[in-house]
Amino acid sequence: MNILNNGLLNESDLICFFQKNRIKRNEIFSLLIKPYWSSLYSRCMYRINDRSSIDDVVQDVLLRIYQALPKYFHKGMFKTWIYTIADNVCYSHLAKKMIYNKKKHFNK
């Protein structure tokens, strides 16, 4: 029986499987993120408002979520946790961009 395709797992179950099963992590992560993919993308686009950077920022968000997920503790809603990570990555991107633009402006 494939635990990932039986349709009986909820988000908490998937998170537990991700944390315990290193072999199927990519597949489990994909199932976890799928319901949030479009809203994560939209949220990042709204925050950074830069079509040329959006794919890199979203990729960084997904990487950060993936790396932090083994230590995730079910204190609140998973959705809130991933949106917080997305917001922080977007704000970091904007801060770096601002510093780069200031340096570029002052070096003229």
Protein backbone atom coordinates (compact mmCIF):
# COMPACT_ATOMS: atom_id res chain seq x y z
CA MET A 1 0.00 0.00 0.00
CA ASN A 2 1.39 3.39 -0.98
CA ILE A 3 0.85 5.76 1.94
CA LEU A 4 1.10 8.80 -0.29
CA ASN A 5 -1.60 7.93 -2.78
CA ASN A 6 -4.35 6.51 -0.61
CA GLY A 7 -5.94 9.93 -0.07
CA LEU A 8 -6.47 9.28 3.64
CA LEU A 9 -3.57 11.32 4.96
CA ASN A 10 -4.05 14.77 6.35
CA GLU A 11 -1.47 17.53 6.55
CA SER A 12 -0.23 16.50 10.00
CA ASP A 13 0.28 12.92 8.84
CA LEU A 14 2.26 14.10 5.82
CA ILE A 15 4.46 16.29 8.00
CA CYS A 16 5.17 13.35 10.32
CA PHE A 17 5.98 11.10 7.35
CA PHE A 18 8.28 13.77 5.93
CA GLN A 19 10.14 14.04 9.23
CA LYS A 20 10.53 10.28 9.62
CA ASN A 21 10.98 9.07 6.04
CA ARG A 22 14.10 10.38 4.28
CA ILE A 23 13.57 8.23 1.19
CA LYS A 24 10.23 9.71 0.08
CA ARG A 25 10.79 13.29 1.29
CA ASN A 26 10.55 14.89 -2.15
CA GLU A 27 7.26 13.15 -2.93
CA ILE A 28 5.80 13.99 0.48
CA PHE A 29 6.97 17.61 0.22
CA SER A 30 5.28 17.93 -3.15
CA LEU A 31 2.00 16.69 -1.66
CA LEU A 32 2.31 19.09 1.28
CA ILE A 33 3.00 22.17 -0.83
CA LYS A 34 0.58 21.46 -3.67
CA PRO A 35 -2.48 23.05 -1.99
CA TYR A 36 -0.47 26.20 -1.19
CA TRP A 37 1.56 26.56 -4.39
CA SER A 38 -0.50 29.21 -6.17
CA SER A 39 -1.15 31.27 -3.03
CA LEU A 40 2.57 31.15 -2.12
CA TYR A 41 3.49 32.31 -5.60
CA SER A 42 0.90 35.11 -5.50
CA ARG A 43 1.97 36.18 -2.03
CA CYS A 44 5.61 36.45 -3.09
CA MET A 45 4.68 38.31 -6.26
CA TYR A 46 2.62 40.77 -4.23
CA ARG A 47 5.50 41.32 -1.79
CA ILE A 48 8.37 41.77 -4.23
CA ASN A 49 6.47 43.01 -7.31
CA ASP A 50 9.30 41.95 -9.62
CA ARG A 51 8.52 39.48 -12.39
CA SER A 52 12.18 38.97 -13.22
CA SER A 53 13.00 37.73 -9.69
CA ILE A 54 9.83 35.91 -8.71
CA ASP A 55 10.90 32.40 -9.74
CA ASP A 56 14.18 32.67 -7.82
CA VAL A 57 12.42 34.01 -4.73
CA VAL A 58 9.76 31.28 -4.77
CA GLN A 59 12.45 28.64 -5.25
CA ASP A 60 14.28 30.06 -2.22
CA VAL A 61 11.02 29.96 -0.22
CA LEU A 62 10.47 26.30 -1.11
CA LEU A 63 14.06 25.44 -0.25
CA ARG A 64 13.79 27.14 3.14
CA ILE A 65 10.53 25.36 3.93
CA TYR A 66 12.05 22.01 2.88
CA GLN A 67 15.14 22.58 5.04
CA ALA A 68 13.13 23.72 8.09
CA LEU A 69 10.42 21.06 7.87
CA PRO A 70 12.34 18.34 9.75
CA LYS A 71 12.29 20.63 12.82
CA TYR A 72 8.72 21.86 12.36
CA PHE A 73 6.66 21.54 15.51
CA HIS A 74 2.85 21.55 15.27
CA LYS A 75 2.23 24.63 17.40
CA GLY A 76 0.03 26.47 14.95
CA MET A 77 -1.29 26.18 11.45
CA PHE A 78 1.12 24.86 8.83
CA LYS A 79 -0.18 27.48 6.40
CA THR A 80 0.78 30.31 8.75
CA TRP A 81 4.25 28.83 9.19
CA ILE A 82 4.96 28.57 5.45
CA TYR A 83 3.58 32.06 4.81
CA THR A 84 5.86 33.45 7.51
CA ILE A 85 8.84 31.83 5.81
CA ALA A 86 7.69 33.23 2.46
CA ASP A 87 7.31 36.73 3.89
CA ASN A 88 10.75 36.61 5.51
CA VAL A 89 12.41 35.43 2.28
CA CYS A 90 10.65 38.20 0.34
CA TYR A 91 11.68 40.87 2.85
CA SER A 92 15.28 39.61 2.76
CA HIS A 93 15.22 39.77 -1.04
CA LEU A 94 13.91 43.35 -0.94
CA ALA A 95 16.53 44.37 1.63
CA LYS A 96 19.35 42.94 -0.49
CA LYS A 97 17.94 44.65 -3.55
CA MET A 98 17.77 47.97 -1.70
CA ILE A 99 21.38 47.66 -0.49
CA TYR A 100 22.51 46.76 -4.01
CA ASN A 101 20.67 49.75 -5.49
CA LYS A 102 22.15 52.11 -2.88
CA LYS A 103 25.68 50.88 -3.59
CA LYS A 104 25.07 51.17 -7.31
CA HIS A 105 23.72 54.72 -6.89
CA PHE A 106 26.60 55.91 -4.68
CA ASN A 107 29.32 54.38 -6.88
CA LYS A 108 28.40 56.50 -9.89
